[in-house]
Amino acid sequence: MRDLRRSWSYHESVLKELSGERANTLGRAGVRLNEALTAYASVLETGADPDRVETALTEARDAAWALVVQRECAGFRSKDFTWLREHWGVPEEVLRRI
């Protein structure tokens, strides 16, 4: 007969590990978005050529989309992207490209 306490303990440790991985992945996606938004703002401030602006905008869009996907994979669902604008300060031009 199996020891159910050991089995339950193993199950709980796996769930804890999964939660930690979700949090870590969300954190990395948030850092990537923050870096991409900072780079985009910097490119806009310096008046760079349109190709650099387009590249920075695309990178910011990709980072925002990656965060949306990671949040949904972690179980955080929302019907719109207002949380991106309110919490992360994602510009409207980035949101329109998602």
PDB file of N, CA and C in Angstrom:
ATOM      1  N   MET A   1       0.835  -1.188   0.000  1.00  0.00           N
ATOM      2  CA  MET A   1       0.000   0.000   0.000  1.00  0.00           C
ATOM      3  C   MET A   1       0.880   1.253   0.000  1.00  0.00           C
ATOM      4  N   ARG A   2       0.509   2.209  -0.823  1.00  0.00           N
ATOM      5  CA  ARG A   2       1.294   3.450  -0.943  1.00  0.00           C
ATOM      6  C   ARG A   2       1.093   4.352   0.261  1.00  0.00           C
ATOM      7  N   ASP A   3       2.129   5.099   0.527  1.00  0.00           N
ATOM      8  CA  ASP A   3       2.036   6.098   1.584  1.00  0.00           C
ATOM      9  C   ASP A   3       1.454   7.364   0.954  1.00  0.00           C
ATOM     10  N   LEU A   4       0.193   7.650   1.234  1.00  0.00           N
ATOM     11  CA  LEU A   4      -0.487   8.786   0.616  1.00  0.00           C
ATOM     12  C   LEU A   4       0.084  10.121   1.076  1.00  0.00           C
ATOM     13  N   ARG A   5       0.632  10.156   2.276  1.00  0.00           N
ATOM     14  CA  ARG A   5       1.220  11.410   2.752  1.00  0.00           C
ATOM     15  C   ARG A   5       2.434  11.788   1.910  1.00  0.00           C
ATOM     16  N   ARG A   6       3.252  10.805   1.571  1.00  0.00           N
ATOM     17  CA  ARG A   6       4.419  11.084   0.747  1.00  0.00           C
ATOM     18  C   ARG A   6       3.985  11.493  -0.659  1.00  0.00           C
ATOM     19  N   SER A   7       2.977  10.827  -1.176  1.00  0.00           N
ATOM     20  CA  SER A   7       2.466  11.164  -2.503  1.00  0.00           C
ATOM     21  C   SER A   7       1.905  12.586  -2.511  1.00  0.00           C
ATOM     22  N   TRP A   8       1.155  12.947  -1.481  1.00  0.00           N
ATOM     23  CA  TRP A   8       0.584  14.294  -1.390  1.00  0.00           C
ATOM     24  C   TRP A   8       1.684  15.341  -1.237  1.00  0.00           C
ATOM     25  N   SER A   9       2.695  15.017  -0.462  1.00  0.00           N
ATOM     26  CA  SER A   9       3.820  15.926  -0.266  1.00  0.00           C
ATOM     27  C   SER A   9       4.541  16.178  -1.593  1.00  0.00           C
ATOM     28  N   TYR A  10       4.722  15.113  -2.366  1.00  0.00           N
ATOM     29  CA  TYR A  10       5.357  15.258  -3.676  1.00  0.00           C
ATOM     30  C   TYR A  10       4.497  16.139  -4.584  1.00  0.00           C
ATOM     31  N   HIS A  11       3.193  15.911  -4.558  1.00  0.00           N
ATOM     32  CA  HIS A  11       2.264  16.708  -5.371  1.00  0.00           C
ATOM     33  C   HIS A  11       2.359  18.186  -4.997  1.00  0.00           C
ATOM     34  N   GLU A  12       2.366  18.474  -3.691  1.00  0.00           N
ATOM     35  CA  GLU A  12       2.463  19.862  -3.241  1.00  0.00           C
ATOM     36  C   GLU A  12       3.790  20.503  -3.651  1.00  0.00           C
ATOM     37  N   SER A  13       4.867  19.731  -3.598  1.00  0.00           N
ATOM     38  CA  SER A  13       6.163  20.296  -3.982  1.00  0.00           C
ATOM     39  C   SER A  13       6.208  20.591  -5.484  1.00  0.00           C
ATOM     40  N   VAL A  14       5.567  19.765  -6.287  1.00  0.00           N
ATOM     41  CA  VAL A  14       5.501  20.028  -7.728  1.00  0.00           C
ATOM     42  C   VAL A  14       4.676  21.282  -7.992  1.00  0.00           C
ATOM     43  N   LEU A  15       3.537  21.419  -7.312  1.00  0.00           N
ATOM     44  CA  LEU A  15       2.711  22.620  -7.483  1.00  0.00           C
ATOM     45  C   LEU A  15       3.467  23.879  -7.074  1.00  0.00           C
ATOM     46  N   LYS A  16       4.231  23.792  -5.997  1.00  0.00           N
ATOM     47  CA  LYS A  16       5.024  24.940  -5.550  1.00  0.00           C
ATOM     48  C   LYS A  16       6.078  25.300  -6.597  1.00  0.00           C
ATOM     49  N   GLU A  17       6.731  24.287  -7.155  1.00  0.00           N
ATOM     50  CA  GLU A  17       7.740  24.516  -8.195  1.00  0.00           C
ATOM     51  C   GLU A  17       7.111  25.158  -9.432  1.00  0.00           C
ATOM     52  N   LEU A  18       5.941  24.684  -9.828  1.00  0.00           N
ATOM     53  CA  LEU A  18       5.247  25.269 -10.985  1.00  0.00           C
ATOM     54  C   LEU A  18       4.872  26.719 -10.737  1.00  0.00           C
ATOM     55  N   SER A  19       4.413  27.017  -9.535  1.00  0.00           N
ATOM     56  CA  SER A  19       4.070  28.402  -9.199  1.00  0.00           C
ATOM     57  C   SER A  19       5.293  29.303  -9.273  1.00  0.00           C
ATOM     58  N   GLY A  20       6.414  28.797  -8.786  1.00  0.00           N
ATOM     59  CA  GLY A  20       7.651  29.566  -8.859  1.00  0.00           C
ATOM     60  C   GLY A  20       8.085  29.819 -10.290  1.00  0.00           C
ATOM     61  N   GLU A  21       7.938  28.816 -11.135  1.00  0.00           N
ATOM     62  CA  GLU A  21       8.290  28.983 -12.551  1.00  0.00           C
ATOM     63  C   GLU A  21       7.370  29.990 -13.233  1.00  0.00           C
ATOM     64  N   ARG A  22       6.074  29.950 -12.920  1.00  0.00           N
ATOM     65  CA  ARG A  22       5.141  30.940 -13.487  1.00  0.00           C
ATOM     66  C   ARG A  22       5.550  32.348 -13.085  1.00  0.00           C
ATOM     67  N   ALA A  23       5.845  32.530 -11.809  1.00  0.00           N
ATOM     68  CA  ALA A  23       6.241  33.850 -11.319  1.00  0.00           C
ATOM     69  C   ALA A  23       7.539  34.312 -11.968  1.00  0.00           C
ATOM     70  N   ASN A  24       8.488  33.411 -12.099  1.00  0.00           N
ATOM     71  CA  ASN A  24       9.768  33.743 -12.717  1.00  0.00           C
ATOM     72  C   ASN A  24       9.577  34.142 -14.177  1.00  0.00           C
ATOM     73  N   THR A  25       8.770  33.393 -14.887  1.00  0.00           N
ATOM     74  CA  THR A  25       8.521  33.689 -16.298  1.00  0.00           C
ATOM     75  C   THR A  25       7.808  35.023 -16.463  1.00  0.00           C
ATOM     76  N   LEU A  26       6.825  35.277 -15.610  1.00  0.00           N
ATOM     77  CA  LEU A  26       6.138  36.574 -15.664  1.00  0.00           C
ATOM     78  C   LEU A  26       7.100  37.716 -15.357  1.00  0.00           C
ATOM     79  N   GLY A  27       7.961  37.501 -14.391  1.00  0.00           N
ATOM     80  CA  GLY A  27       8.943  38.532 -14.048  1.00  0.00           C
ATOM     81  C   GLY A  27       9.877  38.843 -15.204  1.00  0.00           C
ATOM     82  N   ARG A  28      10.372  37.792 -15.867  1.00  0.00           N
ATOM     83  CA  ARG A  28      11.262  38.008 -17.018  1.00  0.00           C
ATOM     84  C   ARG A  28      10.534  38.712 -18.144  1.00  0.00           C
ATOM     85  N   ALA A  29       9.271  38.358 -18.385  1.00  0.00           N
ATOM     86  CA  ALA A  29       8.497  39.018 -19.444  1.00  0.00           C
ATOM     87  C   ALA A  29       8.289  40.495 -19.098  1.00  0.00           C
ATOM     88  N   GLY A  30       8.061  40.779 -17.823  1.00  0.00           N
ATOM     89  CA  GLY A  30       7.906  42.166 -17.396  1.00  0.00           C
ATOM     90  C   GLY A  30       9.185  42.973 -17.556  1.00  0.00           C
ATOM     91  N   VAL A  31      10.310  42.379 -17.220  1.00  0.00           N
ATOM     92  CA  VAL A  31      11.605  43.052 -17.397  1.00  0.00           C
ATOM     93  C   VAL A  31      11.847  43.329 -18.876  1.00  0.00           C
ATOM     94  N   ARG A  32      11.560  42.331 -19.707  1.00  0.00           N
ATOM     95  CA  ARG A  32      11.762  42.507 -21.150  1.00  0.00           C
ATOM     96  C   ARG A  32      10.871  43.638 -21.687  1.00  0.00           C
ATOM     97  N   LEU A  33       9.632  43.707 -21.226  1.00  0.00           N
ATOM     98  CA  LEU A  33       8.734  44.780 -21.669  1.00  0.00           C
ATOM     99  C   LEU A  33       9.264  46.127 -21.208  1.00  0.00           C
ATOM    100  N   ASN A  34       9.683  46.210 -19.974  1.00  0.00           N
ATOM    101  CA  ASN A  34      10.205  47.471 -19.451  1.00  0.00           C
ATOM    102  C   ASN A  34      11.416  47.936 -20.251  1.00  0.00           C
ATOM    103  N   GLU A  35      12.320  47.013 -20.553  1.00  0.00           N
ATOM    104  CA  GLU A  35      13.499  47.366 -21.351  1.00  0.00           C
ATOM    105  C   GLU A  35      13.111  47.818 -22.758  1.00  0.00           C
ATOM    106  N   ALA A  36      12.153  47.128 -23.365  1.00  0.00           N
ATOM    107  CA  ALA A  36      11.728  47.488 -24.720  1.00  0.00           C
ATOM    108  C   ALA A  36      11.037  48.851 -24.738  1.00  0.00           C
ATOM    109  N   LEU A  37      10.226  49.139 -23.721  1.00  0.00           N
ATOM    110  CA  LEU A  37       9.557  50.444 -23.647  1.00  0.00           C
ATOM    111  C   LEU A  37      10.561  51.570 -23.414  1.00  0.00           C
ATOM    112  N   THR A  38      11.566  51.304 -22.593  1.00  0.00           N
ATOM    113  CA  THR A  38      12.617  52.294 -22.355  1.00  0.00           C
ATOM    114  C   THR A  38      13.389  52.572 -23.639  1.00  0.00           C
ATOM    115  N   ALA A  39      13.722  51.521 -24.368  1.00  0.00           N
ATOM    116  CA  ALA A  39      14.448  51.684 -25.638  1.00  0.00           C
ATOM    117  C   ALA A  39      13.591  52.448 -26.647  1.00  0.00           C
ATOM    118  N   TYR A  40      12.305  52.147 -26.701  1.00  0.00           N
ATOM    119  CA  TYR A  40      11.401  52.843 -27.629  1.00  0.00           C
ATOM    120  C   TYR A  40      11.329  54.331 -27.286  1.00  0.00           C
ATOM    121  N   ALA A  41      11.166  54.642 -26.001  1.00  0.00           N
ATOM    122  CA  ALA A  41      11.099  56.050 -25.588  1.00  0.00           C
ATOM    123  C   ALA A  41      12.411  56.771 -25.905  1.00  0.00           C
ATOM    124  N   SER A  42      13.521  56.088 -25.714  1.00  0.00           N
ATOM    125  CA  SER A  42      14.827  56.682 -26.003  1.00  0.00           C
ATOM    126  C   SER A  42      14.985  56.987 -27.487  1.00  0.00           C
ATOM    127  N   VAL A  43      14.539  56.069 -28.320  1.00  0.00           N
ATOM    128  CA  VAL A  43      14.622  56.272 -29.776  1.00  0.00           C
ATOM    129  C   VAL A  43      13.752  57.452 -30.186  1.00  0.00           C
ATOM    130  N   LEU A  44      12.572  57.562 -29.592  1.00  0.00           N
ATOM    131  CA  LEU A  44      11.690  58.692 -29.918  1.00  0.00           C
ATOM    132  C   LEU A  44      12.304  60.018 -29.481  1.00  0.00           C
ATOM    133  N   GLU A  45      12.926  60.034 -28.301  1.00  0.00           N
ATOM    134  CA  GLU A  45      13.517  61.263 -27.776  1.00  0.00           C
ATOM    135  C   GLU A  45      14.693  61.750 -28.615  1.00  0.00           C
ATOM    136  N   THR A  46      15.461  60.821 -29.143  1.00  0.00           N
ATOM    137  CA  THR A  46      16.646  61.211 -29.902  1.00  0.00           C
ATOM    138  C   THR A  46      16.320  61.595 -31.335  1.00  0.00           C
ATOM    139  N   GLY A  47      15.073  61.398 -31.741  1.00  0.00           N
ATOM    140  CA  GLY A  47      14.704  61.737 -33.110  1.00  0.00           C
ATOM    141  C   GLY A  47      15.402  60.862 -34.126  1.00  0.00           C
ATOM    142  N   ALA A  48      15.478  59.586 -33.841  1.00  0.00           N
ATOM    143  CA  ALA A  48      16.183  58.650 -34.725  1.00  0.00           C
ATOM    144  C   ALA A  48      15.434  58.493 -36.047  1.00  0.00           C
ATOM    145  N   ASP A  49      16.107  57.870 -36.986  1.00  0.00           N
ATOM    146  CA  ASP A  49      15.508  57.669 -38.308  1.00  0.00           C
ATOM    147  C   ASP A  49      14.313  56.713 -38.194  1.00  0.00           C
ATOM    148  N   PRO A  50      13.407  56.788 -39.146  1.00  0.00           N
ATOM    149  CA  PRO A  50      12.169  55.991 -39.086  1.00  0.00           C
ATOM    150  C   PRO A  50      12.398  54.481 -38.977  1.00  0.00           C
ATOM    151  N   ASP A  51      13.470  53.983 -39.559  1.00  0.00           N
ATOM    152  CA  ASP A  51      13.736  52.542 -39.463  1.00  0.00           C
ATOM    153  C   ASP A  51      14.028  52.121 -38.023  1.00  0.00           C
ATOM    154  N   ARG A  52      14.797  52.919 -37.300  1.00  0.00           N
ATOM    155  CA  ARG A  52      15.087  52.608 -35.891  1.00  0.00           C
ATOM    156  C   ARG A  52      13.839  52.729 -35.034  1.00  0.00           C
ATOM    157  N   VAL A  53      13.008  53.723 -35.330  1.00  0.00           N
ATOM    158  CA  VAL A  53      11.758  53.883 -34.592  1.00  0.00           C
ATOM    159  C   VAL A  53      10.858  52.663 -34.825  1.00  0.00           C
ATOM    160  N   GLU A  54      10.765  52.246 -36.074  1.00  0.00           N
ATOM    161  CA  GLU A  54       9.947  51.078 -36.419  1.00  0.00           C
ATOM    162  C   GLU A  54      10.458  49.817 -35.725  1.00  0.00           C
ATOM    163  N   THR A  55      11.766  49.637 -35.693  1.00  0.00           N
ATOM    164  CA  THR A  55      12.352  48.471 -35.032  1.00  0.00           C
ATOM    165  C   THR A  55      12.058  48.485 -33.535  1.00  0.00           C
ATOM    166  N   ALA A  56      12.230  49.639 -32.901  1.00  0.00           N
ATOM    167  CA  ALA A  56      11.962  49.754 -31.467  1.00  0.00           C
ATOM    168  C   ALA A  56      10.485  49.542 -31.169  1.00  0.00           C
ATOM    169  N   LEU A  57       9.621  50.039 -32.035  1.00  0.00           N
ATOM    170  CA  LEU A  57       8.182  49.860 -31.866  1.00  0.00           C
ATOM    171  C   LEU A  57       7.810  48.380 -31.988  1.00  0.00           C
ATOM    172  N   THR A  58       8.397  47.701 -32.948  1.00  0.00           N
ATOM    173  CA  THR A  58       8.134  46.274 -33.131  1.00  0.00           C
ATOM    174  C   THR A  58       8.625  45.472 -31.925  1.00  0.00           C
ATOM    175  N   GLU A  59       9.785  45.813 -31.399  1.00  0.00           N
ATOM    176  CA  GLU A  59      10.306  45.114 -30.219  1.00  0.00           C
ATOM    177  C   GLU A  59       9.427  45.355 -29.001  1.00  0.00           C
ATOM    178  N   ALA A  60       8.929  46.576 -28.847  1.00  0.00           N
ATOM    179  CA  ALA A  60       8.020  46.874 -27.734  1.00  0.00           C
ATOM    180  C   ALA A  60       6.712  46.101 -27.890  1.00  0.00           C
ATOM    181  N   ARG A  61       6.204  46.031 -29.109  1.00  0.00           N
ATOM    182  CA  ARG A  61       4.979  45.265 -29.354  1.00  0.00           C
ATOM    183  C   ARG A  61       5.183  43.792 -29.031  1.00  0.00           C
ATOM    184  N   ASP A  62       6.298  43.229 -29.482  1.00  0.00           N
ATOM    185  CA  ASP A  62       6.589  41.817 -29.227  1.00  0.00           C
ATOM    186  C   ASP A  62       6.708  41.538 -27.734  1.00  0.00           C
ATOM    187  N   ALA A  63       7.357  42.431 -27.009  1.00  0.00           N
ATOM    188  CA  ALA A  63       7.516  42.251 -25.567  1.00  0.00           C
ATOM    189  C   ALA A  63       6.174  42.369 -24.850  1.00  0.00           C
ATOM    190  N   ALA A  64       5.332  43.295 -25.283  1.00  0.00           N
ATOM    191  CA  ALA A  64       4.001  43.433 -24.682  1.00  0.00           C
ATOM    192  C   ALA A  64       3.170  42.182 -24.951  1.00  0.00           C
ATOM    193  N   TRP A  65       3.233  41.690 -26.171  1.00  0.00           N
ATOM    194  CA  TRP A  65       2.470  40.489 -26.519  1.00  0.00           C
ATOM    195  C   TRP A  65       2.974  39.279 -25.728  1.00  0.00           C
ATOM    196  N   ALA A  66       4.282  39.169 -25.545  1.00  0.00           N
ATOM    197  CA  ALA A  66       4.847  38.062 -24.770  1.00  0.00           C
ATOM    198  C   ALA A  66       4.344  38.100 -23.333  1.00  0.00           C
ATOM    199  N   LEU A  67       4.232  39.292 -22.758  1.00  0.00           N
ATOM    200  CA  LEU A  67       3.713  39.414 -21.396  1.00  0.00           C
ATOM    201  C   LEU A  67       2.246  39.010 -21.351  1.00  0.00           C
ATOM    202  N   VAL A  68       1.478  39.411 -22.333  1.00  0.00           N
ATOM    203  CA  VAL A  68       0.060  39.018 -22.391  1.00  0.00           C
ATOM    204  C   VAL A  68      -0.050  37.496 -22.427  1.00  0.00           C
ATOM    205  N   VAL A  69       0.724  36.861 -23.276  1.00  0.00           N
ATOM    206  CA  VAL A  69       0.677  35.405 -23.413  1.00  0.00           C
ATOM    207  C   VAL A  69       1.111  34.729 -22.108  1.00  0.00           C
ATOM    208  N   GLN A  70       2.174  35.208 -21.502  1.00  0.00           N
ATOM    209  CA  GLN A  70       2.640  34.615 -20.248  1.00  0.00           C
ATOM    210  C   GLN A  70       1.607  34.761 -19.139  1.00  0.00           C
ATOM    211  N   ARG A  71       0.958  35.912 -19.077  1.00  0.00           N
ATOM    212  CA  ARG A  71      -0.090  36.107 -18.063  1.00  0.00           C
ATOM    213  C   ARG A  71      -1.241  35.138 -18.297  1.00  0.00           C
ATOM    214  N   GLU A  72      -1.645  34.969 -19.544  1.00  0.00           N
ATOM    215  CA  GLU A  72      -2.737  34.048 -19.824  1.00  0.00           C
ATOM    216  C   GLU A  72      -2.347  32.612 -19.509  1.00  0.00           C
ATOM    217  N   CYS A  73      -1.111  32.242 -19.797  1.00  0.00           N
ATOM    218  CA  CYS A  73      -0.635  30.888 -19.463  1.00  0.00           C
ATOM    219  C   CYS A  73      -0.622  30.670 -17.954  1.00  0.00           C
ATOM    220  N   ALA A  74      -0.390  31.728 -17.206  1.00  0.00           N
ATOM    221  CA  ALA A  74      -0.372  31.635 -15.748  1.00  0.00           C
ATOM    222  C   ALA A  74      -1.770  31.705 -15.146  1.00  0.00           C
ATOM    223  N   GLY A  75      -2.777  31.913 -15.981  1.00  0.00           N
ATOM    224  CA  GLY A  75      -4.154  31.930 -15.491  1.00  0.00           C
ATOM    225  C   GLY A  75      -4.751  33.309 -15.288  1.00  0.00           C
ATOM    226  N   PHE A  76      -4.011  34.359 -15.637  1.00  0.00           N
ATOM    227  CA  PHE A  76      -4.521  35.723 -15.507  1.00  0.00           C
ATOM    228  C   PHE A  76      -5.111  36.151 -16.841  1.00  0.00           C
ATOM    229  N   ARG A  77      -6.400  36.133 -16.933  1.00  0.00           N
ATOM    230  CA  ARG A  77      -7.057  36.464 -18.185  1.00  0.00           C
ATOM    231  C   ARG A  77      -7.727  37.844 -18.064  1.00  0.00           C
ATOM    232  N   SER A  78      -7.758  38.551 -19.167  1.00  0.00           N
ATOM    233  CA  SER A  78      -8.503  39.813 -19.212  1.00  0.00           C
ATOM    234  C   SER A  78      -9.045  39.984 -20.623  1.00  0.00           C
ATOM    235  N   LYS A  79     -10.131  40.716 -20.707  1.00  0.00           N
ATOM    236  CA  LYS A  79     -10.769  40.861 -22.018  1.00  0.00           C
ATOM    237  C   LYS A  79     -10.198  41.993 -22.848  1.00  0.00           C
ATOM    238  N   ASP A  80      -9.377  42.832 -22.258  1.00  0.00           N
ATOM    239  CA  ASP A  80      -8.756  43.914 -23.021  1.00  0.00           C
ATOM    240  C   ASP A  80      -7.348  44.171 -22.483  1.00  0.00           C
ATOM    241  N   PHE A  81      -6.686  45.133 -23.058  1.00  0.00           N
ATOM    242  CA  PHE A  81      -5.292  45.412 -22.711  1.00  0.00           C
ATOM    243  C   PHE A  81      -5.147  46.686 -21.874  1.00  0.00           C
ATOM    244  N   THR A  82      -6.203  47.119 -21.231  1.00  0.00           N
ATOM    245  CA  THR A  82      -6.090  48.344 -20.429  1.00  0.00           C
ATOM    246  C   THR A  82      -5.073  48.204 -19.314  1.00  0.00           C
ATOM    247  N   TRP A  83      -4.895  47.005 -18.783  1.00  0.00           N
ATOM    248  CA  TRP A  83      -3.905  46.791 -17.722  1.00  0.00           C
ATOM    249  C   TRP A  83      -2.491  47.079 -18.225  1.00  0.00           C
ATOM    250  N   LEU A  84      -2.245  46.843 -19.519  1.00  0.00           N
ATOM    251  CA  LEU A  84      -0.927  47.176 -20.077  1.00  0.00           C
ATOM    252  C   LEU A  84      -0.689  48.680 -20.046  1.00  0.00           C
ATOM    253  N   ARG A  85      -1.703  49.428 -20.389  1.00  0.00           N
ATOM    254  CA  ARG A  85      -1.579  50.886 -20.406  1.00  0.00           C
ATOM    255  C   ARG A  85      -1.484  51.419 -18.979  1.00  0.00           C
ATOM    256  N   GLU A  86      -2.349  50.916 -18.091  1.00  0.00           N
ATOM    257  CA  GLU A  86      -2.415  51.454 -16.739  1.00  0.00           C
ATOM    258  C   GLU A  86      -1.219  51.045 -15.877  1.00  0.00           C
ATOM    259  N   HIS A  87      -0.833  49.787 -15.946  1.00  0.00           N
ATOM    260  CA  HIS A  87       0.230  49.309 -15.067  1.00  0.00           C
ATOM    261  C   HIS A  87       1.624  49.495 -15.665  1.00  0.00           C
ATOM    262  N   TRP A  88       1.764  49.270 -16.949  1.00  0.00           N
ATOM    263  CA  TRP A  88       3.068  49.305 -17.588  1.00  0.00           C
ATOM    264  C   TRP A  88       3.327  50.576 -18.382  1.00  0.00           C
ATOM    265  N   GLY A  89       2.308  51.388 -18.603  1.00  0.00           N
ATOM    266  CA  GLY A  89       2.495  52.617 -19.371  1.00  0.00           C
ATOM    267  C   GLY A  89       2.780  52.369 -20.841  1.00  0.00           C
ATOM    268  N   VAL A  90       2.208  51.298 -21.369  1.00  0.00           N
ATOM    269  CA  VAL A  90       2.431  50.962 -22.779  1.00  0.00           C
ATOM    270  C   VAL A  90       1.728  52.005 -23.646  1.00  0.00           C
ATOM    271  N   PRO A  91       2.448  52.654 -24.551  1.00  0.00           N
ATOM    272  CA  PRO A  91       1.851  53.683 -25.402  1.00  0.00           C
ATOM    273  C   PRO A  91       0.787  53.115 -26.343  1.00  0.00           C
ATOM    274  N   GLU A  92      -0.111  53.967 -26.718  1.00  0.00           N
ATOM    275  CA  GLU A  92      -1.212  53.563 -27.600  1.00  0.00           C
ATOM    276  C   GLU A  92      -0.709  53.003 -28.930  1.00  0.00           C
ATOM    277  N   GLU A  93       0.378  53.576 -29.473  1.00  0.00           N
ATOM    278  CA  GLU A  93       0.882  53.090 -30.766  1.00  0.00           C
ATOM    279  C   GLU A  93       1.387  51.646 -30.663  1.00  0.00           C
ATOM    280  N   VAL A  94       1.850  51.245 -29.487  1.00  0.00           N
ATOM    281  CA  VAL A  94       2.258  49.853 -29.284  1.00  0.00           C
ATOM    282  C   VAL A  94       1.023  48.967 -29.161  1.00  0.00           C
ATOM    283  N   LEU A  95       0.052  49.421 -28.375  1.00  0.00           N
ATOM    284  CA  LEU A  95      -1.179  48.635 -28.180  1.00  0.00           C
ATOM    285  C   LEU A  95      -1.936  48.407 -29.490  1.00  0.00           C
ATOM    286  N   ARG A  96      -1.922  49.397 -30.364  1.00  0.00           N
ATOM    287  CA  ARG A  96      -2.634  49.239 -31.648  1.00  0.00           C
ATOM    288  C   ARG A  96      -2.032  48.132 -32.510  1.00  0.00           C
ATOM    289  N   ARG A  97      -0.775  47.826 -32.289  1.00  0.00           N
ATOM    290  CA  ARG A  97      -0.104  46.803 -33.115  1.00  0.00           C
ATOM    291  C   ARG A  97      -0.272  45.387 -32.564  1.00  0.00           C
ATOM    292  N   ILE A  98      -0.809  45.279 -31.381  1.00  0.00           N
ATOM    293  CA  ILE A  98      -1.013  43.937 -30.802  1.00  0.00           C
ATOM    294  C   ILE A  98      -2.222  43.296 -31.460  1.00  0.00           C
TER     295      ILE A  98
END
